Amino acid sequence: MSIDKQDVQKIAHLARLALTEEDAVQYQHSLSSVLSLVEQMQSVDTDGVAPLSNPLEMTQRLREDEVTEVNQRDAFLANAPQTEAGLFLVPQVIE
């Protein structure tokens, strides 16, 4: 599948990118190559192939969910300009 220069310019406009004519030609070739590769990959027969979620077929080692750090909430709140009931107070930005 190939893409023409007008399509490249339309995509650039939608993405709010400024392209020169030389860039548009270069991206035209690059995008056409990518789309050709996608077409080639889609033509591969994958019937009967199960989806692969983990290439190693191993289970992940899990650890116990334990608290390993000291509670520093009061120290962090001490740095804030305003706090109330253990929460940070911020200025209202939406009315």
N, C-alpha and C. Protein backbone atom coordinates (compact mmCIF):
# COMPACT_ATOMS: atom_id res chain seq x y z
N MET A 1 0.85 -1.17 0.00
CA MET A 1 0.00 0.00 0.00
C MET A 1 0.89 1.23 0.00
N SER A 2 0.56 2.16 -0.83
CA SER A 2 1.34 3.39 -0.85
C SER A 2 0.46 4.56 -0.43
N ILE A 3 1.10 5.57 0.04
CA ILE A 3 0.42 6.77 0.50
C ILE A 3 0.95 7.93 -0.33
N ASP A 4 0.07 8.84 -0.72
CA ASP A 4 0.54 9.95 -1.55
C ASP A 4 0.86 11.17 -0.69
N LYS A 5 1.47 12.16 -1.32
CA LYS A 5 1.94 13.33 -0.60
C LYS A 5 0.80 14.12 0.02
N GLN A 6 -0.36 14.13 -0.62
CA GLN A 6 -1.50 14.85 -0.06
C GLN A 6 -1.96 14.20 1.25
N ASP A 7 -1.91 12.87 1.31
CA ASP A 7 -2.27 12.18 2.55
C ASP A 7 -1.28 12.51 3.66
N VAL A 8 -0.01 12.58 3.32
CA VAL A 8 1.01 12.93 4.31
C VAL A 8 0.76 14.34 4.84
N GLN A 9 0.44 15.26 3.94
CA GLN A 9 0.18 16.63 4.37
C GLN A 9 -1.09 16.71 5.22
N LYS A 10 -2.10 15.91 4.89
CA LYS A 10 -3.32 15.90 5.68
C LYS A 10 -3.05 15.35 7.09
N ILE A 11 -2.27 14.29 7.16
CA ILE A 11 -1.91 13.71 8.46
C ILE A 11 -1.09 14.72 9.27
N ALA A 12 -0.17 15.40 8.62
CA ALA A 12 0.64 16.41 9.31
C ALA A 12 -0.23 17.54 9.82
N HIS A 13 -1.21 17.94 9.02
CA HIS A 13 -2.13 19.01 9.46
C HIS A 13 -2.93 18.57 10.67
N LEU A 14 -3.44 17.34 10.65
CA LEU A 14 -4.21 16.83 11.78
C LEU A 14 -3.35 16.72 13.04
N ALA A 15 -2.07 16.40 12.86
CA ALA A 15 -1.16 16.28 13.99
C ALA A 15 -0.54 17.62 14.35
N ARG A 16 -0.91 18.66 13.64
CA ARG A 16 -0.40 20.02 13.87
C ARG A 16 1.12 20.07 13.73
N LEU A 17 1.62 19.44 12.65
CA LEU A 17 3.04 19.43 12.35
C LEU A 17 3.29 20.25 11.10
N ALA A 18 4.35 21.02 11.10
CA ALA A 18 4.73 21.79 9.92
C ALA A 18 5.75 20.97 9.14
N LEU A 19 5.42 20.67 7.88
CA LEU A 19 6.32 19.89 7.04
C LEU A 19 6.73 20.70 5.81
N THR A 20 7.98 20.58 5.44
CA THR A 20 8.43 21.15 4.17
C THR A 20 8.11 20.14 3.07
N GLU A 21 8.27 20.56 1.84
CA GLU A 21 8.02 19.65 0.72
C GLU A 21 8.96 18.46 0.75
N GLU A 22 10.23 18.71 1.12
CA GLU A 22 11.20 17.61 1.19
C GLU A 22 10.83 16.62 2.29
N ASP A 23 10.38 17.16 3.43
CA ASP A 23 9.96 16.28 4.51
C ASP A 23 8.75 15.45 4.10
N ALA A 24 7.81 16.08 3.40
CA ALA A 24 6.61 15.36 2.98
C ALA A 24 6.97 14.18 2.07
N VAL A 25 7.90 14.39 1.18
CA VAL A 25 8.33 13.30 0.28
C VAL A 25 9.01 12.20 1.08
N GLN A 26 9.86 12.59 2.01
CA GLN A 26 10.56 11.59 2.83
C GLN A 26 9.57 10.79 3.66
N TYR A 27 8.61 11.48 4.29
CA TYR A 27 7.61 10.77 5.10
C TYR A 27 6.69 9.93 4.23
N GLN A 28 6.45 10.36 3.01
CA GLN A 28 5.64 9.57 2.10
C GLN A 28 6.28 8.21 1.87
N HIS A 29 7.58 8.19 1.62
CA HIS A 29 8.29 6.93 1.41
C HIS A 29 8.32 6.09 2.70
N SER A 30 8.58 6.74 3.82
CA SER A 30 8.66 6.02 5.09
C SER A 30 7.32 5.40 5.47
N LEU A 31 6.25 6.19 5.37
CA LEU A 31 4.93 5.67 5.72
C LEU A 31 4.49 4.57 4.76
N SER A 32 4.82 4.71 3.49
CA SER A 32 4.49 3.66 2.53
C SER A 32 5.20 2.36 2.87
N SER A 33 6.45 2.46 3.32
CA SER A 33 7.20 1.27 3.71
C SER A 33 6.57 0.61 4.92
N VAL A 34 6.16 1.40 5.90
CA VAL A 34 5.53 0.85 7.10
C VAL A 34 4.22 0.17 6.74
N LEU A 35 3.41 0.82 5.91
CA LEU A 35 2.14 0.24 5.53
C LEU A 35 2.33 -1.04 4.72
N SER A 36 3.36 -1.08 3.90
CA SER A 36 3.65 -2.31 3.15
C SER A 36 4.04 -3.44 4.09
N LEU A 37 4.81 -3.12 5.11
CA LEU A 37 5.19 -4.14 6.08
C LEU A 37 3.96 -4.65 6.82
N VAL A 38 3.04 -3.76 7.18
CA VAL A 38 1.81 -4.17 7.86
C VAL A 38 0.99 -5.08 6.95
N GLU A 39 0.88 -4.73 5.69
CA GLU A 39 0.16 -5.59 4.74
C GLU A 39 0.80 -6.97 4.65
N GLN A 40 2.13 -6.99 4.62
CA GLN A 40 2.84 -8.26 4.53
C GLN A 40 2.58 -9.10 5.78
N MET A 41 2.57 -8.46 6.95
CA MET A 41 2.32 -9.18 8.19
C MET A 41 0.88 -9.68 8.26
N GLN A 42 -0.07 -8.92 7.71
CA GLN A 42 -1.46 -9.34 7.73
C GLN A 42 -1.73 -10.51 6.78
N SER A 43 -0.88 -10.69 5.81
CA SER A 43 -1.09 -11.77 4.86
C SER A 43 -0.64 -13.13 5.40
N VAL A 44 0.03 -13.15 6.53
CA VAL A 44 0.50 -14.40 7.12
C VAL A 44 -0.69 -15.17 7.68
N ASP A 45 -0.76 -16.47 7.37
CA ASP A 45 -1.84 -17.31 7.84
C ASP A 45 -1.61 -17.67 9.31
N THR A 46 -2.47 -17.19 10.19
CA THR A 46 -2.33 -17.46 11.62
C THR A 46 -3.46 -18.34 12.15
N ASP A 47 -4.19 -18.98 11.27
CA ASP A 47 -5.25 -19.88 11.72
C ASP A 47 -4.65 -21.03 12.51
N GLY A 48 -5.24 -21.32 13.64
CA GLY A 48 -4.77 -22.42 14.47
C GLY A 48 -3.60 -22.06 15.37
N VAL A 49 -3.17 -20.82 15.35
CA VAL A 49 -2.06 -20.40 16.20
C VAL A 49 -2.66 -19.73 17.44
N ALA A 50 -2.35 -20.25 18.60
CA ALA A 50 -2.87 -19.68 19.84
C ALA A 50 -2.13 -18.39 20.17
N PRO A 51 -2.85 -17.41 20.69
CA PRO A 51 -2.17 -16.16 21.09
C PRO A 51 -1.15 -16.43 22.19
N LEU A 52 -0.06 -15.72 22.14
CA LEU A 52 1.02 -15.91 23.09
C LEU A 52 1.02 -14.75 24.07
N SER A 53 0.83 -15.05 25.33
CA SER A 53 0.82 -13.99 26.34
C SER A 53 2.16 -13.90 27.06
N ASN A 54 2.89 -15.00 27.16
CA ASN A 54 4.17 -15.01 27.84
C ASN A 54 5.11 -15.94 27.06
N PRO A 55 6.17 -15.40 26.51
CA PRO A 55 7.03 -16.24 25.68
C PRO A 55 7.80 -17.30 26.47
N LEU A 56 7.90 -17.14 27.78
CA LEU A 56 8.69 -18.08 28.56
C LEU A 56 7.86 -19.17 29.20
N GLU A 57 6.52 -19.05 29.14
CA GLU A 57 5.63 -20.04 29.74
C GLU A 57 6.01 -20.31 31.19
N MET A 58 6.36 -19.27 31.92
CA MET A 58 6.72 -19.41 33.32
C MET A 58 5.76 -18.58 34.16
N THR A 59 5.63 -18.97 35.40
CA THR A 59 4.83 -18.16 36.31
C THR A 59 5.76 -17.17 37.00
N GLN A 60 5.20 -16.03 37.33
CA GLN A 60 6.00 -15.00 37.95
C GLN A 60 6.08 -15.23 39.46
N ARG A 61 7.28 -15.06 39.99
CA ARG A 61 7.45 -15.21 41.43
C ARG A 61 6.81 -14.02 42.12
N LEU A 62 6.04 -14.27 43.13
CA LEU A 62 5.37 -13.22 43.87
C LEU A 62 5.98 -13.11 45.25
N ARG A 63 5.93 -11.91 45.79
CA ARG A 63 6.43 -11.71 47.15
C ARG A 63 5.27 -11.30 48.04
N GLU A 64 5.47 -11.40 49.31
CA GLU A 64 4.46 -10.98 50.27
C GLU A 64 4.28 -9.47 50.17
N ASP A 65 3.06 -9.02 50.30
CA ASP A 65 2.76 -7.59 50.27
C ASP A 65 2.95 -7.04 51.67
N GLU A 66 4.14 -6.50 51.90
CA GLU A 66 4.49 -5.99 53.22
C GLU A 66 4.90 -4.53 53.12
N VAL A 67 4.60 -3.77 54.16
CA VAL A 67 5.03 -2.38 54.24
C VAL A 67 6.51 -2.38 54.60
N THR A 68 7.32 -1.70 53.78
CA THR A 68 8.76 -1.70 54.03
C THR A 68 9.30 -0.32 54.35
N GLU A 69 8.45 0.72 54.23
CA GLU A 69 8.92 2.07 54.52
C GLU A 69 8.18 2.63 55.71
N VAL A 70 8.82 3.59 56.34
CA VAL A 70 8.24 4.24 57.51
C VAL A 70 7.23 5.29 57.03
N ASN A 71 6.14 5.45 57.77
CA ASN A 71 5.14 6.46 57.45
C ASN A 71 5.74 7.85 57.66
N GLN A 72 5.83 8.64 56.59
CA GLN A 72 6.41 9.98 56.65
C GLN A 72 5.38 11.05 56.35
N ARG A 73 4.12 10.75 56.54
CA ARG A 73 3.06 11.68 56.20
C ARG A 73 3.21 13.03 56.90
N ASP A 74 3.48 13.02 58.19
CA ASP A 74 3.61 14.27 58.92
C ASP A 74 4.79 15.10 58.42
N ALA A 75 5.88 14.45 58.06
CA ALA A 75 7.04 15.17 57.53
C ALA A 75 6.72 15.81 56.19
N PHE A 76 5.98 15.10 55.35
CA PHE A 76 5.60 15.66 54.05
C PHE A 76 4.60 16.80 54.20
N LEU A 77 3.65 16.63 55.11
CA LEU A 77 2.67 17.69 55.33
C LEU A 77 3.30 18.93 55.93
N ALA A 78 4.38 18.78 56.66
CA ALA A 78 5.06 19.93 57.25
C ALA A 78 5.63 20.85 56.18
N ASN A 79 5.92 20.34 54.99
CA ASN A 79 6.46 21.14 53.90
C ASN A 79 5.39 21.89 53.13
N ALA A 80 4.13 21.53 53.30
CA ALA A 80 3.05 22.13 52.51
C ALA A 80 2.67 23.49 53.09
N PRO A 81 2.28 24.43 52.22
CA PRO A 81 1.87 25.74 52.71
C PRO A 81 0.59 25.69 53.53
N GLN A 82 -0.36 24.83 53.15
CA GLN A 82 -1.61 24.72 53.89
C GLN A 82 -2.04 23.25 53.95
N THR A 83 -2.48 22.84 55.13
CA THR A 83 -3.00 21.48 55.30
C THR A 83 -4.22 21.54 56.21
N GLU A 84 -5.01 20.50 56.12
CA GLU A 84 -6.17 20.38 57.00
C GLU A 84 -6.54 18.92 57.13
N ALA A 85 -6.65 18.44 58.33
CA ALA A 85 -7.04 17.06 58.63
C ALA A 85 -6.18 16.05 57.88
N GLY A 86 -4.88 16.32 57.79
CA GLY A 86 -3.97 15.38 57.14
C GLY A 86 -3.99 15.42 55.63
N LEU A 87 -4.56 16.49 55.04
CA LEU A 87 -4.65 16.62 53.58
C LEU A 87 -3.98 17.91 53.14
N PHE A 88 -3.48 17.92 51.91
CA PHE A 88 -2.94 19.13 51.32
C PHE A 88 -4.09 20.02 50.86
N LEU A 89 -4.02 21.31 51.14
CA LEU A 89 -4.99 22.26 50.65
C LEU A 89 -4.39 22.99 49.46
N VAL A 90 -5.13 23.06 48.36
CA VAL A 90 -4.67 23.74 47.15
C VAL A 90 -5.67 24.80 46.78
N PRO A 91 -5.24 25.84 46.04
CA PRO A 91 -6.17 26.86 45.64
C PRO A 91 -7.22 26.31 44.66
N GLN A 92 -8.43 26.84 44.74
CA GLN A 92 -9.49 26.42 43.83
C GLN A 92 -9.19 26.99 42.44
N VAL A 93 -9.23 26.14 41.42
CA VAL A 93 -8.94 26.59 40.07
C VAL A 93 -10.16 26.55 39.17
N ILE A 94 -11.20 25.86 39.57
CA ILE A 94 -12.44 25.80 38.78
C ILE A 94 -13.59 26.28 39.66
N GLU A 95 -14.36 27.18 39.11
CA GLU A 95 -15.49 27.70 39.88
C GLU A 95 -16.74 26.91 39.60
